[in-house]
């Protein structure tokens, strides 16, 4: 009977079917998975650490794509997947300690997250996706700084100098307001820090005083946050010619705020995003497309690769600048919208 459950290749399909049918008639459910894990010291599952409530994995388009890619890698390896939420406003790391997994994929958490510290204390392999770049474990990511720098150069070539930015959260503390350069440089979420750094570098090269650029941070990642962030920028400076958002979700919210104010995109104002999600594509958003599904698949493959390795590995995936219909030259020409040193 053991072979029918544990080594089905040792039996003919017909014999295995008869054994399983007999077991079901006798009320035998099969080997106890807990007992089996104690014997083999394998849980048969990968843990995915999220820096959000569990529902975020099924709401956020980029997270959904990443989760699909990771699930495909686990499916190919015959391994289960356990979601381990890490609410950024809670310090309790019991969910990490309780997780019966053979390894962790850490999806986009800040470098000071206590859940991350708890994961690194576990004697199991770990792969980080996006952030933080620890240098001590395997990592999958993109060149966020370079990708945003390329998008900024596109806007500069169109003539934009007077810009505003709406970014995702920079740290675990809740801040829904303007961000100083110091907070940008000290951001614990490396992806956002790098995207802002790419923007700052490109616009500084074009003669823009980055310290004067209104940058608004939003703790919650949804369209409502994008709309309210855009409103805060436009209330501060109604003359900005471009709203640069560090995600497509925020950019879609910014588009709704522009429409509410009667601003035509891109005739009156340019709006850009980052990620390349389907809703952004349908809206014709100018953005950076990143391969979120392949990120998940690559992270899973790295974690499930049983080969010996002497040093951390890094997979850097390519991005693509998408020029959509939400970007154009500023109305009236760049010289009428300039602010610099």
Protein backbone atom coordinates (compact mmCIF):
# COMPACT_ATOMS: atom_id res chain seq x y z
CA UNK A 1 0.00 0.00 0.00
CA UNK A 2 2.87 2.37 0.76
CA UNK A 3 4.03 2.28 -2.85
CA UNK A 4 0.56 3.30 -4.06
CA UNK A 5 0.89 6.60 -2.19
CA UNK A 6 4.62 7.25 -2.08
CA UNK A 7 6.07 5.55 -5.17
CA UNK A 8 3.27 5.20 -7.76
CA UNK A 9 5.80 4.53 -10.50
CA UNK A 10 6.46 1.13 -8.85
CA UNK A 11 2.91 -0.08 -9.61
CA UNK A 12 0.86 -0.48 -12.75
CA UNK A 13 -1.94 2.11 -13.08
CA UNK A 14 -4.56 -0.61 -12.71
CA UNK A 15 -3.03 -2.08 -9.54
CA UNK A 16 -2.59 1.38 -7.99
CA UNK A 17 -6.23 2.22 -8.73
CA UNK A 18 -7.41 -1.00 -7.03
CA UNK A 19 -5.25 -0.34 -3.97
CA UNK A 20 -6.51 3.25 -3.60
CA UNK A 21 -10.13 2.14 -4.09
CA UNK A 22 -9.73 -0.48 -1.37
CA UNK A 23 -8.14 2.07 0.98
CA UNK A 24 -11.05 4.47 0.46
CA UNK A 25 -13.61 1.71 1.22
CA UNK A 26 -11.74 0.94 4.44
CA UNK A 27 -11.72 4.63 5.39
CA UNK A 28 -7.95 5.03 5.14
CA UNK A 29 -7.11 8.62 4.02
CA UNK A 30 -3.47 7.95 3.18
CA UNK A 31 -0.18 8.67 4.95
CA UNK A 32 -0.19 11.46 7.55
CA UNK A 33 1.64 14.39 5.89
CA UNK A 34 2.83 15.70 9.27
CA UNK A 35 4.36 12.35 10.19
CA UNK A 36 5.92 12.11 6.75
CA UNK A 37 7.51 15.56 7.11
CA UNK A 38 8.97 14.54 10.46
CA UNK A 39 10.55 11.50 8.86
CA UNK A 40 11.84 13.16 5.70
CA UNK A 41 12.49 16.58 7.27
CA UNK A 42 10.81 18.05 4.17
CA UNK A 43 7.60 20.05 4.25
CA UNK A 44 7.01 19.87 0.51
CA UNK A 45 6.14 23.56 0.29
CA UNK A 46 7.67 26.94 -0.49
CA UNK A 47 6.79 29.94 1.66
CA UNK A 48 6.08 33.29 0.00
CA UNK A 49 6.63 36.19 2.40
CA UNK A 50 4.49 39.21 1.50
CA UNK A 51 4.90 42.61 3.13
CA UNK A 52 1.13 43.12 3.00
CA UNK A 53 -2.11 41.60 4.20
CA UNK A 54 -2.83 38.28 2.53
CA UNK A 55 -5.56 39.71 0.28
CA UNK A 56 -2.96 41.98 -1.40
CA UNK A 57 -1.63 38.99 -3.35
CA UNK A 58 -5.01 38.70 -5.07
CA UNK A 59 -5.69 42.43 -5.58
CA UNK A 60 -2.48 43.97 -6.85
CA UNK A 61 -1.92 43.22 -10.57
CA UNK A 62 1.89 43.00 -10.32
CA UNK A 63 1.65 40.75 -7.26
CA UNK A 64 -0.85 38.53 -9.07
CA UNK A 65 1.54 38.13 -12.01
CA UNK A 66 4.43 37.32 -9.70
CA UNK A 67 2.34 34.83 -7.74
CA UNK A 68 1.32 33.08 -10.97
CA UNK A 69 4.95 32.73 -12.06
CA UNK A 70 6.00 31.36 -8.67
CA UNK A 71 3.07 28.93 -8.66
CA UNK A 72 4.09 27.66 -12.11
CA UNK A 73 7.63 26.97 -10.86
CA UNK A 74 6.26 25.13 -7.82
CA UNK A 75 3.85 23.19 -10.02
CA UNK A 76 6.69 22.07 -12.29
CA UNK A 77 8.60 20.85 -9.22
CA UNK A 78 5.59 19.18 -7.58
CA UNK A 79 5.91 21.50 -4.59
CA UNK A 80 3.23 23.31 -2.63
CA UNK A 81 3.04 27.06 -2.00
CA UNK A 82 2.27 28.69 1.35
CA UNK A 83 1.48 32.43 1.56
CA UNK A 84 2.99 34.07 4.64
CA UNK A 85 1.62 37.60 5.12
CA UNK A 86 3.73 40.24 6.85
CA UNK A 87 1.53 43.21 7.70
CA UNK A 88 3.88 46.24 7.62
CA UNK A 89 2.15 47.77 10.66
CA UNK A 90 2.66 44.72 12.89
CA UNK A 91 5.77 43.39 14.59
CA UNK A 92 4.51 39.85 15.27
CA UNK A 93 6.63 37.35 13.32
CA UNK A 94 4.88 34.20 14.54
CA UNK A 95 3.60 33.45 11.02
CA UNK A 96 7.21 33.06 9.86
CA UNK A 97 8.16 30.84 12.81
CA UNK A 98 5.11 28.61 12.30
CA UNK A 99 5.49 28.21 8.53
CA UNK A 100 6.23 24.59 7.63
CA UNK A 101 8.24 25.22 4.47
CA UNK A 102 11.47 24.09 2.86
CA UNK A 103 12.47 27.61 1.86
CA UNK A 104 11.23 31.17 1.47
CA UNK A 105 10.68 33.55 -1.42
CA UNK A 106 10.65 37.09 -0.01
CA UNK A 107 8.59 39.42 -2.18
CA UNK A 108 9.48 43.10 -2.01
CA UNK A 109 9.94 43.89 1.68
CA UNK A 110 11.87 46.74 3.37
CA UNK A 111 15.36 46.02 4.66
CA UNK A 112 14.31 46.64 8.28
CA UNK A 113 11.26 44.36 8.28
CA UNK A 114 11.24 42.04 11.32
CA UNK A 115 9.59 39.30 9.25
CA UNK A 116 12.60 39.35 6.92
CA UNK A 117 14.94 39.02 9.90
CA UNK A 118 12.89 36.05 11.11
CA UNK A 119 13.12 34.39 7.68
CA UNK A 120 16.90 34.81 7.59
CA UNK A 121 17.13 33.13 10.99
CA UNK A 122 15.48 29.99 9.61
CA UNK A 123 17.97 27.32 8.38
CA UNK A 124 16.35 27.09 4.94
CA UNK A 125 17.18 28.60 1.53
CA UNK A 126 15.86 32.09 0.77
CA UNK A 127 15.37 34.03 -2.46
CA UNK A 128 14.55 37.75 -2.45
CA UNK A 129 12.53 39.25 -5.27
CA UNK A 130 13.11 42.96 -5.94
CA UNK A 131 14.04 44.16 -2.48
CA UNK A 132 16.06 44.32 -0.37
CA UNK A 133 19.33 43.57 -2.15
CA UNK A 134 21.10 41.86 0.74
CA UNK A 135 24.05 40.36 -1.10
CA UNK A 136 23.86 37.26 1.13
CA UNK A 137 20.98 35.33 -0.48
CA UNK A 138 19.81 34.70 -4.05
CA UNK A 139 17.90 37.57 -5.67
CA UNK A 140 15.66 38.18 -8.69
CA UNK A 141 14.96 41.71 -9.86
CA UNK A 142 15.29 44.44 -12.48
CA UNK A 143 17.32 47.62 -12.84
CA UNK A 144 14.72 49.95 -11.31
CA UNK A 145 17.05 52.95 -11.31
CA UNK A 146 18.08 52.48 -14.94
CA UNK A 147 14.52 51.85 -16.12
CA UNK A 148 13.19 55.00 -14.46
CA UNK A 149 16.17 56.99 -15.71
CA UNK A 150 15.24 55.94 -19.27
CA UNK A 151 11.61 57.01 -18.77
CA UNK A 152 12.78 60.36 -17.35
CA UNK A 153 15.04 60.95 -20.36
CA UNK A 154 12.03 60.40 -22.62
CA UNK A 155 10.05 63.05 -20.75
CA UNK A 156 13.02 65.43 -20.81
CA UNK A 157 13.33 64.95 -24.57
CA UNK A 158 9.68 66.02 -24.88
CA UNK A 159 10.50 69.22 -22.99
CA UNK A 160 9.22 68.48 -19.48
CA UNK A 161 11.02 70.19 -16.62
CA UNK A 162 8.21 71.12 -14.24
CA UNK A 163 7.18 67.76 -12.86
CA UNK A 164 5.56 66.12 -9.84
CA UNK A 165 5.97 62.59 -8.50
CA UNK A 166 3.65 60.17 -6.70
CA UNK A 167 5.49 57.22 -5.16
CA UNK A 168 4.67 54.09 -3.19
CA UNK A 169 5.61 53.83 0.48
CA UNK A 170 9.25 54.40 1.35
CA UNK A 171 9.27 52.95 4.87
CA UNK A 172 7.17 50.98 7.33
CA UNK A 173 5.89 54.10 9.07
CA UNK A 174 2.75 55.58 7.56
CA UNK A 175 3.40 58.78 5.63
CA UNK A 176 0.85 60.22 3.23
CA UNK A 177 2.41 63.48 2.23
CA UNK A 178 5.35 65.28 0.69
CA UNK A 179 8.74 63.62 0.95
CA UNK A 180 12.03 65.36 1.63
CA UNK A 181 15.18 64.37 -0.29
CA UNK A 182 16.53 62.93 2.97
CA UNK A 183 13.59 60.54 3.29
CA UNK A 184 14.01 59.54 -0.35
CA UNK A 185 17.70 58.74 0.13
CA UNK A 186 17.06 56.82 3.37
CA UNK A 187 14.10 54.80 2.04
CA UNK A 188 13.99 51.23 3.37
CA UNK A 189 12.05 50.09 0.30
CA UNK A 190 14.96 49.88 -2.14
CA UNK A 191 12.81 49.67 -5.28
CA UNK A 192 11.16 53.01 -4.60
CA UNK A 193 14.45 54.55 -3.55
CA UNK A 194 16.08 53.41 -6.78
CA UNK A 195 13.21 54.61 -8.98
CA UNK A 196 13.29 58.04 -7.35
CA UNK A 197 17.07 58.08 -7.67
CA UNK A 198 16.81 57.40 -11.41
CA UNK A 199 14.40 60.30 -11.79
CA UNK A 200 16.57 62.62 -9.71
CA UNK A 201 19.68 61.78 -11.70
CA UNK A 202 18.06 62.36 -15.10
CA UNK A 203 16.31 65.61 -14.21
CA UNK A 204 19.33 66.97 -12.34
CA UNK A 205 21.37 66.38 -15.49
CA UNK A 206 18.74 68.46 -17.32
CA UNK A 207 19.23 71.36 -14.90
CA UNK A 208 16.24 70.75 -12.62
CA UNK A 209 16.73 71.32 -8.90
CA UNK A 210 15.44 68.00 -7.57
CA UNK A 211 14.95 69.39 -4.07
CA UNK A 212 12.21 71.61 -5.51
CA UNK A 213 10.33 68.77 -7.22
CA UNK A 214 7.14 67.88 -5.30
CA UNK A 215 7.31 64.19 -4.40
CA UNK A 216 4.27 62.74 -2.61
CA UNK A 217 4.34 59.37 -0.84
CA UNK A 218 1.35 57.08 -0.39
CA UNK A 219 1.32 54.23 2.13
CA UNK A 220 -1.54 52.28 0.56
CA UNK A 221 -1.10 51.05 -2.98
CA UNK A 222 -4.37 51.56 -4.83
CA UNK A 223 -5.96 53.89 -7.37
CA UNK A 224 -7.49 56.06 -4.65
CA UNK A 225 -3.98 56.73 -3.36
CA UNK A 226 -2.84 57.66 -6.85
CA UNK A 227 -5.73 60.09 -7.23
CA UNK A 228 -5.20 61.75 -3.84
CA UNK A 229 -1.44 61.90 -4.40
CA UNK A 230 -1.93 63.57 -7.77
CA UNK A 231 -4.35 66.03 -6.17
CA UNK A 232 -1.77 66.92 -3.53
CA UNK A 233 0.88 67.60 -6.18
CA UNK A 234 -1.47 69.66 -8.35
CA UNK A 235 -2.72 71.66 -5.39
CA UNK A 236 0.90 72.52 -4.55
CA UNK A 237 1.81 73.40 -8.14
CA UNK A 238 -1.01 73.55 -10.72
CA UNK A 239 1.57 74.31 -13.43
CA UNK A 240 3.32 70.93 -13.44
CA UNK A 241 3.43 69.47 -16.94
CA UNK A 242 3.97 65.83 -16.00
CA UNK A 243 2.94 63.55 -13.16
CA UNK A 244 5.37 60.65 -12.80
CA UNK A 245 4.03 57.73 -10.76
CA UNK A 246 6.19 54.87 -9.54
CA UNK A 247 3.53 52.28 -10.36
CA UNK A 248 0.78 51.86 -12.94
CA UNK A 249 -1.85 51.54 -10.20
CA UNK A 250 -0.94 54.98 -8.87
CA UNK A 251 -0.84 56.35 -12.43
CA UNK A 252 -4.34 55.09 -13.17
CA UNK A 253 -5.52 56.95 -10.10
CA UNK A 254 -3.69 60.06 -11.29
CA UNK A 255 -5.55 59.81 -14.61
CA UNK A 256 -8.89 59.86 -12.77
CA UNK A 257 -7.83 62.95 -10.81
CA UNK A 258 -6.72 64.71 -13.99
CA UNK A 259 -10.11 63.95 -15.55
CA UNK A 260 -11.90 65.20 -12.43
CA UNK A 261 -10.07 68.52 -12.78
CA UNK A 262 -10.90 68.78 -16.46
CA UNK A 263 -7.28 68.28 -17.50
CA UNK A 264 -6.77 66.58 -20.84
CA UNK A 265 -4.09 63.88 -20.95
CA UNK A 266 -1.62 64.39 -22.53
CA UNK A 267 -2.62 67.78 -23.99
CA UNK A 268 -2.72 69.53 -20.61
CA UNK A 269 -0.65 67.11 -18.54
CA UNK A 270 1.44 63.99 -19.07
CA UNK A 271 0.98 60.97 -16.76
CA UNK A 272 3.36 58.00 -16.58
CA UNK A 273 3.52 54.78 -14.58
CA UNK A 274 5.71 51.75 -13.98
CA UNK A 275 5.00 47.98 -14.21
CA UNK A 276 3.17 47.39 -17.49
CA UNK A 277 -0.06 45.94 -16.05
CA UNK A 278 -2.98 45.13 -18.34
CA UNK A 279 -5.21 47.96 -17.10
CA UNK A 280 -2.41 50.43 -17.82
CA UNK A 281 -1.96 49.00 -21.28
CA UNK A 282 -5.69 49.34 -21.95
CA UNK A 283 -5.50 52.98 -20.83
CA UNK A 284 -2.60 53.63 -23.22
CA UNK A 285 -0.29 54.49 -20.33
CA UNK A 286 3.30 55.49 -20.95
CA UNK A 287 5.16 53.19 -18.58
CA UNK A 288 7.98 50.74 -17.98
CA UNK A 289 6.96 47.15 -18.56
CA UNK A 290 8.61 44.58 -16.32
CA UNK A 291 8.25 40.77 -16.60
CA UNK A 292 6.40 40.10 -13.34
CA UNK A 293 5.40 36.53 -14.22
CA UNK A 294 8.95 35.64 -15.19
CA UNK A 295 10.14 37.18 -11.91
CA UNK A 296 8.01 34.71 -9.99
CA UNK A 297 9.08 31.78 -12.12
CA UNK A 298 12.77 32.70 -11.82
CA UNK A 299 12.49 33.09 -8.04
CA UNK A 300 10.87 29.67 -7.74
CA UNK A 301 13.48 28.02 -9.93
CA UNK A 302 16.32 29.53 -7.91
CA UNK A 303 14.82 28.36 -4.65
CA UNK A 304 14.00 24.86 -5.87
CA UNK A 305 17.36 24.33 -7.55
CA UNK A 306 19.02 21.73 -5.36
CA UNK A 307 22.49 22.14 -6.84
CA UNK A 308 25.35 23.14 -4.58
CA UNK A 309 26.29 26.81 -4.68
CA UNK A 310 29.12 28.62 -3.00
CA UNK A 311 27.83 32.19 -3.32
CA UNK A 312 24.52 34.03 -3.81
CA UNK A 313 23.15 34.15 -7.32
CA UNK A 314 21.43 37.10 -8.98
CA UNK A 315 18.97 37.14 -11.88
CA UNK A 316 18.43 40.58 -13.46
CA UNK A 317 15.53 40.68 -15.92
CA UNK A 318 15.08 43.16 -18.76
CA UNK A 319 12.46 45.92 -18.84
CA UNK A 320 10.89 47.81 -21.75
CA UNK A 321 9.94 51.47 -22.03
CA UNK A 322 6.40 51.70 -23.45
CA UNK A 323 5.53 55.01 -25.09
CA UNK A 324 1.76 55.24 -24.80
CA UNK A 325 -0.78 57.95 -25.44
CA UNK A 326 -0.51 59.59 -22.01
CA UNK A 327 2.74 61.46 -22.71
CA UNK A 328 3.41 64.37 -25.04
CA UNK A 329 5.32 67.65 -25.15
CA UNK A 330 4.15 70.22 -22.55
CA UNK A 331 1.55 72.64 -23.76
CA UNK A 332 3.12 76.00 -24.61
CA UNK A 333 6.66 74.63 -24.86
CA UNK A 334 9.24 73.73 -22.27
CA UNK A 335 10.60 77.25 -22.01
CA UNK A 336 7.29 78.49 -20.57
CA UNK A 337 7.22 75.76 -17.89
CA UNK A 338 10.86 75.83 -16.78
CA UNK A 339 11.91 75.86 -13.21
CA UNK A 340 15.50 75.20 -12.36
CA UNK A 341 18.39 76.64 -10.42
